[in-house]
Amino acid sequence: MNILQINSSARRLQDDQGSVSTRLANELTAGLRAANPSASLTVRDFAVSPLPVLDEAALGALFTPAEARTAEQAARVALNDQVIAELLAADVVVIGAPMINFNISAQLKNWIDAVARAGVTFQYGPTGPVGLVTGKKVYVVTSRGGIHRGQASDQVVPYLRTVLAFLGMTDVEFIYAEGLNMGPEAADRGLSEARAQISELLAA
């Protein structure tokens, strides 16, 4: 089993402090590795090493033929190639996805923009788009300050379901840690419920 873990919080995790989504993603990954001791793990932590945005320079690099790219353009494309290769090699993808202003973080959006490449991770056919990133199990740990699950204010889950399916990943489980900014009791309850979900998924 090859596991890819994506930590998309802007906050680092230090001594059980900081990013809740990263902490819970770590716990889920640890459980997966305990059940599969030979599993390999690749971690992308965007609080430590963020990916650059998809800007005009990046688009110029991607649409310039390889033989005509400058050294800077080649390095930019190589970075995207690397994160795509990590995704394609993974059997299991664990995504820590905090809610930021009702949607995913800019850090996670940068990763999605890097891995969504026509002809590589998706293609357009006669009946529409076809995802090429298939055969993956995806776990998304999403943390939120309030209670948003199943409400219109939650744009994290619908967006991720859509974009992951567009790329071919349809076997997706969401773990929710909610109410984290609603006082100590609510935060403890939110963490306990998320950990219970993780335990259930690992036992399945």
N, C-alpha and C. Protein backbone atom coordinates (compact mmCIF):
# COMPACT_ATOMS: atom_id res chain seq x y z
N MET A 1 0.84 -1.20 0.00
CA MET A 1 0.00 0.00 0.00
C MET A 1 0.88 1.25 0.00
N ASN A 2 0.59 2.16 -0.89
CA ASN A 2 1.24 3.47 -0.92
C ASN A 2 0.24 4.51 -0.43
N ILE A 3 0.61 5.25 0.61
CA ILE A 3 -0.27 6.26 1.19
C ILE A 3 0.30 7.64 0.88
N LEU A 4 -0.56 8.52 0.41
CA LEU A 4 -0.20 9.92 0.20
C LEU A 4 -1.02 10.75 1.18
N GLN A 5 -0.35 11.52 2.01
CA GLN A 5 -1.04 12.40 2.97
C GLN A 5 -0.82 13.85 2.58
N ILE A 6 -1.92 14.57 2.44
CA ILE A 6 -1.90 15.98 2.09
C ILE A 6 -2.37 16.79 3.29
N ASN A 7 -1.47 17.58 3.88
CA ASN A 7 -1.83 18.48 4.98
C ASN A 7 -1.98 19.87 4.40
N SER A 8 -3.21 20.39 4.38
CA SER A 8 -3.44 21.65 3.67
C SER A 8 -3.76 22.82 4.60
N SER A 9 -3.48 22.66 5.88
CA SER A 9 -3.66 23.76 6.80
C SER A 9 -2.54 24.78 6.62
N ALA A 10 -2.83 26.03 6.91
CA ALA A 10 -1.78 27.06 6.93
C ALA A 10 -0.97 26.98 8.22
N ARG A 11 -1.49 26.22 9.19
CA ARG A 11 -0.82 26.11 10.49
C ARG A 11 -0.03 24.81 10.60
N ARG A 12 1.13 24.88 11.23
CA ARG A 12 1.91 23.68 11.50
C ARG A 12 1.33 22.96 12.72
N LEU A 13 1.72 21.71 12.85
CA LEU A 13 1.36 20.92 14.02
C LEU A 13 2.60 20.80 14.89
N GLN A 14 2.50 21.29 16.13
CA GLN A 14 3.63 21.27 17.04
C GLN A 14 3.16 20.81 18.42
N ASP A 15 3.64 19.62 18.83
CA ASP A 15 3.34 19.10 20.17
C ASP A 15 1.84 19.09 20.46
N ASP A 16 1.10 18.51 19.54
CA ASP A 16 -0.35 18.37 19.69
C ASP A 16 -1.07 19.72 19.73
N GLN A 17 -0.44 20.73 19.21
CA GLN A 17 -1.05 22.05 19.10
C GLN A 17 -1.05 22.45 17.62
N GLY A 18 -1.79 23.49 17.30
CA GLY A 18 -1.83 23.94 15.91
C GLY A 18 -2.92 23.24 15.13
N SER A 19 -2.60 22.81 13.93
CA SER A 19 -3.60 22.32 13.00
C SER A 19 -4.32 21.06 13.48
N VAL A 20 -5.64 21.17 13.63
CA VAL A 20 -6.45 20.01 14.02
C VAL A 20 -6.58 19.04 12.86
N SER A 21 -6.76 19.54 11.65
CA SER A 21 -6.91 18.65 10.50
C SER A 21 -5.66 17.82 10.28
N THR A 22 -4.49 18.43 10.48
CA THR A 22 -3.23 17.68 10.34
C THR A 22 -3.10 16.64 11.44
N ARG A 23 -3.45 17.01 12.66
CA ARG A 23 -3.37 16.06 13.78
C ARG A 23 -4.23 14.83 13.51
N LEU A 24 -5.47 15.06 13.07
CA LEU A 24 -6.37 13.94 12.83
C LEU A 24 -5.95 13.15 11.59
N ALA A 25 -5.45 13.84 10.57
CA ALA A 25 -4.94 13.12 9.39
C ALA A 25 -3.77 12.23 9.79
N ASN A 26 -2.90 12.73 10.68
CA ASN A 26 -1.79 11.92 11.17
C ASN A 26 -2.30 10.67 11.89
N GLU A 27 -3.35 10.83 12.70
CA GLU A 27 -3.89 9.70 13.44
C GLU A 27 -4.50 8.67 12.50
N LEU A 28 -5.19 9.14 11.48
CA LEU A 28 -5.78 8.23 10.50
C LEU A 28 -4.68 7.48 9.75
N THR A 29 -3.65 8.20 9.31
CA THR A 29 -2.55 7.57 8.60
C THR A 29 -1.83 6.56 9.49
N ALA A 30 -1.64 6.90 10.76
CA ALA A 30 -1.00 5.98 11.69
C ALA A 30 -1.82 4.70 11.82
N GLY A 31 -3.13 4.81 11.86
CA GLY A 31 -3.99 3.63 11.92
C GLY A 31 -3.89 2.78 10.67
N LEU A 32 -3.83 3.43 9.52
CA LEU A 32 -3.68 2.69 8.26
C LEU A 32 -2.35 1.94 8.22
N ARG A 33 -1.30 2.59 8.70
CA ARG A 33 0.02 1.95 8.68
C ARG A 33 0.12 0.84 9.72
N ALA A 34 -0.60 0.98 10.84
CA ALA A 34 -0.60 -0.09 11.83
C ALA A 34 -1.25 -1.35 11.26
N ALA A 35 -2.28 -1.15 10.44
CA ALA A 35 -2.96 -2.30 9.82
C ALA A 35 -2.19 -2.82 8.60
N ASN A 36 -1.29 -1.99 8.06
CA ASN A 36 -0.50 -2.37 6.88
C ASN A 36 0.95 -1.97 7.14
N PRO A 37 1.68 -2.74 7.93
CA PRO A 37 3.03 -2.34 8.36
C PRO A 37 4.01 -2.09 7.22
N SER A 38 3.77 -2.69 6.07
CA SER A 38 4.70 -2.50 4.95
C SER A 38 4.33 -1.30 4.08
N ALA A 39 3.29 -0.58 4.47
CA ALA A 39 2.83 0.56 3.65
C ALA A 39 3.89 1.65 3.61
N SER A 40 4.02 2.29 2.46
CA SER A 40 4.90 3.46 2.31
C SER A 40 4.07 4.71 2.51
N LEU A 41 4.72 5.78 2.92
CA LEU A 41 4.01 7.03 3.20
C LEU A 41 4.76 8.20 2.59
N THR A 42 4.03 9.01 1.83
CA THR A 42 4.54 10.29 1.32
C THR A 42 3.68 11.38 1.92
N VAL A 43 4.30 12.39 2.51
CA VAL A 43 3.56 13.49 3.15
C VAL A 43 3.89 14.79 2.45
N ARG A 44 2.85 15.52 2.08
CA ARG A 44 2.98 16.89 1.60
C ARG A 44 2.34 17.79 2.65
N ASP A 45 3.17 18.57 3.35
CA ASP A 45 2.67 19.48 4.38
C ASP A 45 2.84 20.90 3.87
N PHE A 46 1.73 21.52 3.50
CA PHE A 46 1.81 22.82 2.86
C PHE A 46 1.99 23.97 3.84
N ALA A 47 1.92 23.69 5.15
CA ALA A 47 2.32 24.71 6.12
C ALA A 47 3.83 24.82 6.17
N VAL A 48 4.52 23.74 5.80
CA VAL A 48 5.98 23.70 5.81
C VAL A 48 6.53 24.07 4.43
N SER A 49 5.97 23.46 3.39
CA SER A 49 6.43 23.71 2.02
C SER A 49 5.23 23.93 1.11
N PRO A 50 4.71 25.15 1.06
CA PRO A 50 3.53 25.41 0.23
C PRO A 50 3.84 25.34 -1.25
N LEU A 51 2.84 24.93 -2.02
CA LEU A 51 2.96 24.95 -3.48
C LEU A 51 2.65 26.35 -3.99
N PRO A 52 3.28 26.75 -5.08
CA PRO A 52 2.98 28.06 -5.65
C PRO A 52 1.61 28.07 -6.33
N VAL A 53 1.07 29.26 -6.49
CA VAL A 53 -0.24 29.40 -7.12
C VAL A 53 -0.10 29.17 -8.63
N LEU A 54 -1.23 28.85 -9.25
CA LEU A 54 -1.28 28.71 -10.70
C LEU A 54 -1.48 30.11 -11.29
N ASP A 55 -0.38 30.75 -11.62
CA ASP A 55 -0.44 32.12 -12.14
C ASP A 55 -0.06 32.13 -13.62
N GLU A 56 0.09 33.33 -14.16
CA GLU A 56 0.38 33.45 -15.59
C GLU A 56 1.71 32.80 -15.95
N ALA A 57 2.71 32.94 -15.08
CA ALA A 57 4.01 32.34 -15.35
C ALA A 57 3.92 30.82 -15.37
N ALA A 58 3.15 30.25 -14.44
CA ALA A 58 2.99 28.80 -14.41
C ALA A 58 2.28 28.30 -15.65
N LEU A 59 1.22 29.00 -16.06
CA LEU A 59 0.52 28.61 -17.28
C LEU A 59 1.43 28.71 -18.50
N GLY A 60 2.24 29.75 -18.53
CA GLY A 60 3.18 29.89 -19.64
C GLY A 60 4.15 28.72 -19.69
N ALA A 61 4.61 28.28 -18.52
CA ALA A 61 5.54 27.15 -18.47
C ALA A 61 4.86 25.87 -18.93
N LEU A 62 3.64 25.64 -18.49
CA LEU A 62 2.93 24.41 -18.83
C LEU A 62 2.61 24.33 -20.32
N PHE A 63 2.36 25.47 -20.94
CA PHE A 63 1.98 25.46 -22.35
C PHE A 63 3.16 25.71 -23.30
N THR A 64 4.35 25.81 -22.74
CA THR A 64 5.55 25.93 -23.58
C THR A 64 6.11 24.53 -23.83
N PRO A 65 6.42 24.17 -25.06
CA PRO A 65 7.00 22.84 -25.33
C PRO A 65 8.24 22.62 -24.47
N ALA A 66 8.43 21.38 -24.03
CA ALA A 66 9.50 21.07 -23.08
C ALA A 66 10.86 21.55 -23.58
N GLU A 67 11.13 21.39 -24.88
CA GLU A 67 12.44 21.76 -25.41
C GLU A 67 12.67 23.27 -25.47
N ALA A 68 11.58 24.03 -25.34
CA ALA A 68 11.69 25.49 -25.44
C ALA A 68 11.60 26.18 -24.08
N ARG A 69 11.43 25.43 -23.01
CA ARG A 69 11.28 26.03 -21.69
C ARG A 69 12.59 26.58 -21.15
N THR A 70 12.48 27.69 -20.43
CA THR A 70 13.63 28.19 -19.70
C THR A 70 13.88 27.28 -18.50
N ALA A 71 15.01 27.45 -17.84
CA ALA A 71 15.31 26.66 -16.65
C ALA A 71 14.25 26.88 -15.57
N GLU A 72 13.81 28.11 -15.43
CA GLU A 72 12.79 28.42 -14.43
C GLU A 72 11.46 27.74 -14.79
N GLN A 73 11.09 27.77 -16.07
CA GLN A 73 9.86 27.11 -16.50
C GLN A 73 9.96 25.60 -16.31
N ALA A 74 11.08 25.02 -16.64
CA ALA A 74 11.26 23.58 -16.48
C ALA A 74 11.13 23.18 -15.02
N ALA A 75 11.67 23.99 -14.11
CA ALA A 75 11.58 23.69 -12.68
C ALA A 75 10.13 23.77 -12.21
N ARG A 76 9.40 24.73 -12.74
CA ARG A 76 7.99 24.89 -12.34
C ARG A 76 7.17 23.69 -12.80
N VAL A 77 7.37 23.24 -14.02
CA VAL A 77 6.64 22.08 -14.53
C VAL A 77 7.07 20.82 -13.78
N ALA A 78 8.35 20.71 -13.46
CA ALA A 78 8.85 19.54 -12.75
C ALA A 78 8.20 19.41 -11.38
N LEU A 79 7.93 20.53 -10.72
CA LEU A 79 7.25 20.48 -9.43
C LEU A 79 5.85 19.90 -9.58
N ASN A 80 5.11 20.37 -10.56
CA ASN A 80 3.78 19.82 -10.81
C ASN A 80 3.85 18.35 -11.21
N ASP A 81 4.83 18.00 -12.02
CA ASP A 81 5.02 16.59 -12.40
C ASP A 81 5.22 15.72 -11.17
N GLN A 82 5.97 16.23 -10.22
CA GLN A 82 6.27 15.44 -9.02
C GLN A 82 5.02 15.19 -8.19
N VAL A 83 4.20 16.22 -7.99
CA VAL A 83 2.99 16.01 -7.17
C VAL A 83 1.98 15.14 -7.91
N ILE A 84 1.94 15.23 -9.23
CA ILE A 84 1.08 14.33 -10.00
C ILE A 84 1.56 12.89 -9.85
N ALA A 85 2.86 12.68 -9.94
CA ALA A 85 3.42 11.32 -9.80
C ALA A 85 3.10 10.75 -8.43
N GLU A 86 3.16 11.57 -7.39
CA GLU A 86 2.83 11.11 -6.04
C GLU A 86 1.38 10.65 -5.96
N LEU A 87 0.49 11.42 -6.58
CA LEU A 87 -0.92 11.06 -6.57
C LEU A 87 -1.16 9.77 -7.36
N LEU A 88 -0.58 9.66 -8.53
CA LEU A 88 -0.81 8.48 -9.36
C LEU A 88 -0.26 7.22 -8.70
N ALA A 89 0.81 7.36 -7.92
CA ALA A 89 1.43 6.20 -7.28
C ALA A 89 0.68 5.75 -6.03
N ALA A 90 -0.19 6.59 -5.49
CA ALA A 90 -0.85 6.30 -4.22
C ALA A 90 -2.01 5.32 -4.40
N ASP A 91 -2.15 4.43 -3.44
CA ASP A 91 -3.35 3.59 -3.34
C ASP A 91 -4.39 4.25 -2.45
N VAL A 92 -3.90 4.96 -1.43
CA VAL A 92 -4.76 5.64 -0.46
C VAL A 92 -4.30 7.09 -0.35
N VAL A 93 -5.26 8.01 -0.36
CA VAL A 93 -4.96 9.43 -0.21
C VAL A 93 -5.68 9.94 1.04
N VAL A 94 -4.94 10.54 1.94
CA VAL A 94 -5.49 11.13 3.16
C VAL A 94 -5.31 12.64 3.05
N ILE A 95 -6.41 13.38 3.09
CA ILE A 95 -6.36 14.83 2.92
C ILE A 95 -6.85 15.51 4.20
N GLY A 96 -6.02 16.32 4.79
CA GLY A 96 -6.45 17.19 5.88
C GLY A 96 -6.97 18.48 5.29
N ALA A 97 -8.25 18.77 5.48
CA ALA A 97 -8.89 19.88 4.77
C ALA A 97 -9.65 20.78 5.75
N PRO A 98 -9.00 21.75 6.35
CA PRO A 98 -9.72 22.68 7.20
C PRO A 98 -10.66 23.57 6.38
N MET A 99 -11.79 23.94 6.98
CA MET A 99 -12.68 24.89 6.33
C MET A 99 -12.17 26.31 6.58
N ILE A 100 -11.96 27.06 5.51
CA ILE A 100 -11.55 28.45 5.59
C ILE A 100 -12.60 29.29 4.88
N ASN A 101 -13.34 30.08 5.63
CA ASN A 101 -14.39 30.91 5.03
C ASN A 101 -15.33 30.07 4.16
N PHE A 102 -15.75 28.94 4.71
CA PHE A 102 -16.75 28.05 4.13
C PHE A 102 -16.22 27.15 3.01
N ASN A 103 -14.94 27.26 2.67
CA ASN A 103 -14.42 26.43 1.58
C ASN A 103 -13.04 25.91 1.95
N ILE A 104 -12.37 25.28 0.99
CA ILE A 104 -11.06 24.72 1.26
C ILE A 104 -10.02 25.84 1.36
N SER A 105 -8.85 25.48 1.88
CA SER A 105 -7.77 26.44 2.01
C SER A 105 -7.14 26.74 0.65
N ALA A 106 -6.48 27.88 0.57
CA ALA A 106 -5.73 28.21 -0.64
C ALA A 106 -4.65 27.17 -0.89
N GLN A 107 -4.08 26.63 0.18
CA GLN A 107 -3.03 25.63 0.04
C GLN A 107 -3.54 24.37 -0.67
N LEU A 108 -4.74 23.93 -0.31
CA LEU A 108 -5.31 22.75 -0.95
C LEU A 108 -5.70 23.05 -2.40
N LYS A 109 -6.21 24.24 -2.63
CA LYS A 109 -6.56 24.62 -4.01
C LYS A 109 -5.32 24.64 -4.90
N ASN A 110 -4.19 25.08 -4.36
CA ASN A 110 -2.96 25.07 -5.16
C ASN A 110 -2.57 23.65 -5.55
N TRP A 111 -2.76 22.69 -4.62
CA TRP A 111 -2.44 21.29 -4.93
C TRP A 111 -3.38 20.76 -6.01
N ILE A 112 -4.66 21.05 -5.88
CA ILE A 112 -5.63 20.60 -6.89
C ILE A 112 -5.28 21.19 -8.25
N ASP A 113 -4.94 22.47 -8.28
CA ASP A 113 -4.57 23.09 -9.55
C ASP A 113 -3.30 22.47 -10.12
N ALA A 114 -2.42 21.99 -9.25
CA ALA A 114 -1.19 21.36 -9.73
C ALA A 114 -1.43 19.97 -10.30
N VAL A 115 -2.34 19.22 -9.69
CA VAL A 115 -2.53 17.82 -10.13
C VAL A 115 -3.59 17.68 -11.22
N ALA A 116 -4.42 18.67 -11.41
CA ALA A 116 -5.46 18.59 -12.45
C ALA A 116 -4.86 19.03 -13.78
N ARG A 117 -4.41 18.06 -14.57
CA ARG A 117 -3.77 18.38 -15.86
C ARG A 117 -4.43 17.56 -16.97
N ALA A 118 -4.94 18.26 -17.96
CA ALA A 118 -5.60 17.60 -19.08
C ALA A 118 -4.63 16.65 -19.78
N GLY A 119 -5.14 15.45 -20.09
CA GLY A 119 -4.34 14.46 -20.76
C GLY A 119 -3.49 13.61 -19.84
N VAL A 120 -3.43 13.99 -18.54
CA VAL A 120 -2.63 13.25 -17.57
C VAL A 120 -3.51 12.71 -16.44
N THR A 121 -4.26 13.59 -15.81
CA THR A 121 -5.15 13.16 -14.72
C THR A 121 -6.63 13.21 -15.12
N PHE A 122 -6.92 13.82 -16.23
CA PHE A 122 -8.26 13.77 -16.81
C PHE A 122 -8.14 14.04 -18.30
N GLN A 123 -9.18 13.66 -19.02
CA GLN A 123 -9.21 13.96 -20.45
C GLN A 123 -10.66 14.17 -20.88
N TYR A 124 -10.82 14.83 -21.99
CA TYR A 124 -12.15 15.05 -22.54
C TYR A 124 -12.39 14.07 -23.68
N GLY A 125 -13.51 13.35 -23.58
CA GLY A 125 -13.90 12.42 -24.62
C GLY A 125 -15.16 12.88 -25.31
N PRO A 126 -15.73 12.05 -26.18
CA PRO A 126 -16.92 12.46 -26.93
C PRO A 126 -18.12 12.73 -26.05
N THR A 127 -18.15 12.13 -24.85
CA THR A 127 -19.31 12.35 -23.96
C THR A 127 -18.97 13.25 -22.78
N GLY A 128 -17.77 13.84 -22.78
CA GLY A 128 -17.40 14.73 -21.69
C GLY A 128 -16.12 14.30 -21.00
N PRO A 129 -15.85 14.87 -19.82
CA PRO A 129 -14.59 14.58 -19.14
C PRO A 129 -14.54 13.17 -18.57
N VAL A 130 -13.34 12.61 -18.56
CA VAL A 130 -13.09 11.28 -17.99
C VAL A 130 -11.92 11.40 -17.03
N GLY A 131 -12.13 11.01 -15.75
CA GLY A 131 -11.05 11.04 -14.78
C GLY A 131 -10.10 9.89 -14.99
N LEU A 132 -8.81 10.15 -14.89
CA LEU A 132 -7.78 9.14 -15.12
C LEU A 132 -7.11 8.67 -13.83
N VAL A 133 -7.47 9.30 -12.70
CA VAL A 133 -6.88 8.93 -11.41
C VAL A 133 -7.85 7.98 -10.72
N THR A 134 -7.80 6.73 -11.09
CA THR A 134 -8.79 5.76 -10.62
C THR A 134 -8.15 4.76 -9.65
N GLY A 135 -9.01 4.00 -8.99
CA GLY A 135 -8.54 2.95 -8.10
C GLY A 135 -7.98 3.44 -6.79
N LYS A 136 -8.33 4.64 -6.37
CA LYS A 136 -7.83 5.20 -5.12
C LYS A 136 -8.93 5.19 -4.05
N LYS A 137 -8.52 5.00 -2.81
CA LYS A 137 -9.37 5.23 -1.66
C LYS A 137 -8.96 6.56 -1.06
N VAL A 138 -9.92 7.46 -0.87
CA VAL A 138 -9.61 8.80 -0.37
C VAL A 138 -10.33 9.03 0.96
N TYR A 139 -9.58 9.55 1.92
CA TYR A 139 -10.14 9.98 3.20
C TYR A 139 -9.90 11.48 3.33
N VAL A 140 -10.95 12.22 3.64
CA VAL A 140 -10.81 13.66 3.84
C VAL A 140 -11.18 13.98 5.28
N VAL A 141 -10.22 14.52 6.03
CA VAL A 141 -10.48 14.97 7.39
C VAL A 141 -10.71 16.47 7.33
N THR A 142 -11.93 16.89 7.59
CA THR A 142 -12.24 18.30 7.48
C THR A 142 -12.60 18.88 8.84
N SER A 143 -11.88 19.92 9.23
CA SER A 143 -12.08 20.57 10.53
C SER A 143 -12.76 21.92 10.31
N ARG A 144 -13.62 22.28 11.28
CA ARG A 144 -14.35 23.55 11.16
C ARG A 144 -14.56 24.16 12.54
N GLY A 145 -14.61 25.48 12.57
CA GLY A 145 -14.86 26.16 13.84
C GLY A 145 -16.29 26.05 14.30
N GLY A 146 -17.23 25.99 13.35
CA GLY A 146 -18.66 25.89 13.67
C GLY A 146 -19.23 24.55 13.25
N ILE A 147 -20.56 24.50 13.15
CA ILE A 147 -21.28 23.30 12.75
C ILE A 147 -21.83 23.54 11.35
N HIS A 148 -21.34 22.81 10.36
CA HIS A 148 -21.71 23.06 8.97
C HIS A 148 -22.11 21.80 8.21
N ARG A 149 -21.92 20.65 8.78
CA ARG A 149 -22.15 19.39 8.06
C ARG A 149 -23.58 19.32 7.52
N GLY A 150 -23.72 19.07 6.23
CA GLY A 150 -25.03 18.93 5.62
C GLY A 150 -25.76 20.24 5.40
N GLN A 151 -25.10 21.38 5.62
CA GLN A 151 -25.75 22.67 5.44
C GLN A 151 -25.19 23.39 4.21
N ALA A 152 -25.92 24.40 3.77
CA ALA A 152 -25.48 25.15 2.59
C ALA A 152 -24.16 25.86 2.83
N SER A 153 -23.84 26.13 4.08
CA SER A 153 -22.59 26.82 4.40
C SER A 153 -21.37 25.95 4.18
N ASP A 154 -21.56 24.64 4.06
CA ASP A 154 -20.44 23.73 3.84
C ASP A 154 -20.19 23.59 2.34
N GLN A 155 -19.22 24.33 1.85
CA GLN A 155 -18.84 24.21 0.45
C GLN A 155 -17.60 23.34 0.26
N VAL A 156 -17.02 22.88 1.38
CA VAL A 156 -15.84 22.02 1.31
C VAL A 156 -16.19 20.67 0.70
N VAL A 157 -17.21 20.03 1.27
CA VAL A 157 -17.55 18.66 0.85
C VAL A 157 -18.07 18.62 -0.59
N PRO A 158 -19.04 19.46 -0.97
CA PRO A 158 -19.50 19.41 -2.37
C PRO A 158 -18.38 19.68 -3.37
N TYR A 159 -17.53 20.66 -3.06
CA TYR A 159 -16.45 20.98 -4.00
C TYR A 159 -15.48 19.81 -4.12
N LEU A 160 -15.05 19.25 -2.99
CA LEU A 160 -14.09 18.15 -3.06
C LEU A 160 -14.69 16.91 -3.71
N ARG A 161 -15.95 16.61 -3.43
CA ARG A 161 -16.59 15.48 -4.12
C ARG A 161 -16.56 15.69 -5.62
N THR A 162 -16.86 16.90 -6.04
CA THR A 162 -16.91 17.20 -7.48
C THR A 162 -15.54 17.11 -8.13
N VAL A 163 -14.55 17.77 -7.54
CA VAL A 163 -13.24 17.81 -8.19
C VAL A 163 -12.53 16.47 -8.11
N LEU A 164 -12.68 15.75 -7.00
CA LEU A 164 -12.06 14.43 -6.91
C LEU A 164 -12.69 13.46 -7.90
N ALA A 165 -14.01 13.51 -8.03
CA ALA A 165 -14.69 12.65 -9.01
C ALA A 165 -14.29 13.02 -10.42
N PHE A 166 -14.13 14.30 -10.69
CA PHE A 166 -13.68 14.77 -12.01
C PHE A 166 -12.35 14.14 -12.38
N LEU A 167 -11.49 13.94 -11.37
CA LEU A 167 -10.18 13.33 -11.61
C LEU A 167 -10.23 11.81 -11.57
N GLY A 168 -11.39 11.24 -11.20
CA GLY A 168 -11.54 9.79 -11.20
C GLY A 168 -11.62 9.15 -9.83
N MET A 169 -11.57 9.96 -8.77
CA MET A 169 -11.59 9.44 -7.40
C MET A 169 -13.01 9.56 -6.83
N THR A 170 -13.71 8.45 -6.79
CA THR A 170 -15.11 8.45 -6.35
C THR A 170 -15.31 7.72 -5.02
N ASP A 171 -14.31 6.98 -4.57
CA ASP A 171 -14.42 6.27 -3.29
C ASP A 171 -13.85 7.17 -2.20
N VAL A 172 -14.69 8.07 -1.69
CA VAL A 172 -14.23 9.13 -0.78
C VAL A 172 -15.02 9.06 0.52
N GLU A 173 -14.31 9.08 1.64
CA GLU A 173 -14.92 9.13 2.97
C GLU A 173 -14.55 10.45 3.63
N PHE A 174 -15.53 11.11 4.22
CA PHE A 174 -15.30 12.37 4.93
C PHE A 174 -15.38 12.15 6.43
N ILE A 175 -14.41 12.69 7.15
CA ILE A 175 -14.39 12.68 8.61
C ILE A 175 -14.53 14.13 9.06
N TYR A 176 -15.47 14.38 9.97
CA TYR A 176 -15.80 15.75 10.36
C TYR A 176 -15.36 16.03 11.80
N ALA A 177 -14.62 17.12 11.98
CA ALA A 177 -14.32 17.65 13.31
C ALA A 177 -14.92 19.05 13.36
N GLU A 178 -16.07 19.19 14.04
CA GLU A 178 -16.82 20.44 14.00
C GLU A 178 -16.94 21.07 15.38
N GLY A 179 -17.33 22.35 15.37
CA GLY A 179 -17.54 23.07 16.61
C GLY A 179 -16.27 23.40 17.37
N LEU A 180 -15.15 23.46 16.66
CA LEU A 180 -13.86 23.59 17.33
C LEU A 180 -13.63 24.97 17.94
N ASN A 181 -14.38 25.97 17.49
CA ASN A 181 -14.23 27.32 18.04
C ASN A 181 -15.45 27.73 18.87
N MET A 182 -16.23 26.75 19.30
CA MET A 182 -17.47 27.03 20.04
C MET A 182 -17.33 26.74 21.53
N GLY A 183 -16.11 26.79 22.03
CA GLY A 183 -15.87 26.55 23.44
C GLY A 183 -15.24 25.19 23.68
N PRO A 184 -14.61 25.01 24.84
CA PRO A 184 -13.88 23.77 25.13
C PRO A 184 -14.74 22.51 25.04
N GLU A 185 -15.96 22.57 25.54
CA GLU A 185 -16.82 21.38 25.53
C GLU A 185 -17.17 20.97 24.11
N ALA A 186 -17.54 21.96 23.29
CA ALA A 186 -17.88 21.66 21.90
C ALA A 186 -16.65 21.16 21.14
N ALA A 187 -15.49 21.76 21.41
CA ALA A 187 -14.27 21.33 20.73
C ALA A 187 -13.91 19.89 21.10
N ASP A 188 -14.02 19.56 22.38
CA ASP A 188 -13.74 18.19 22.80
C ASP A 188 -14.71 17.20 22.15
N ARG A 189 -15.97 17.60 22.07
CA ARG A 189 -16.97 16.74 21.44
C ARG A 189 -16.66 16.57 19.96
N GLY A 190 -16.28 17.65 19.28
CA GLY A 190 -15.95 17.57 17.87
C GLY A 190 -14.78 16.65 17.61
N LEU A 191 -13.75 16.73 18.45
CA LEU A 191 -12.59 15.86 18.29
C LEU A 191 -12.95 14.41 18.58
N SER A 192 -13.75 14.19 19.61
CA SER A 192 -14.16 12.82 19.96
C SER A 192 -14.97 12.18 18.84
N GLU A 193 -15.88 12.96 18.26
CA GLU A 193 -16.70 12.42 17.17
C GLU A 193 -15.85 12.11 15.94
N ALA A 194 -14.87 12.97 15.65
CA ALA A 194 -13.99 12.70 14.51
C ALA A 194 -13.17 11.45 14.75
N ARG A 195 -12.66 11.30 15.96
CA ARG A 195 -11.85 10.11 16.27
C ARG A 195 -12.70 8.85 16.25
N ALA A 196 -13.96 8.96 16.64
CA ALA A 196 -14.85 7.80 16.56
C ALA A 196 -15.07 7.41 15.10
N GLN A 197 -15.23 8.41 14.23
CA GLN A 197 -15.38 8.11 12.80
C GLN A 197 -14.14 7.43 12.25
N ILE A 198 -12.97 7.92 12.65
CA ILE A 198 -11.72 7.30 12.19
C ILE A 198 -11.64 5.85 12.64
N SER A 199 -11.99 5.60 13.90
CA SER A 199 -11.94 4.23 14.42
C SER A 199 -12.89 3.31 13.65
N GLU A 200 -14.09 3.81 13.33
CA GLU A 200 -15.05 3.01 12.57
C GLU A 200 -14.53 2.69 11.18
N LEU A 201 -13.93 3.66 10.54
CA LEU A 201 -13.42 3.44 9.19
C LEU A 201 -12.25 2.46 9.19
N LEU A 202 -11.40 2.57 10.19
CA LEU A 202 -10.26 1.66 10.26
C LEU A 202 -10.68 0.25 10.58
N ALA A 203 -11.81 0.10 11.29
CA ALA A 203 -12.28 -1.24 11.68
C ALA A 203 -13.09 -1.89 10.56
N ALA A 204 -13.50 -1.11 9.57
CA ALA A 204 -14.37 -1.65 8.51
C ALA A 204 -13.61 -2.62 7.62
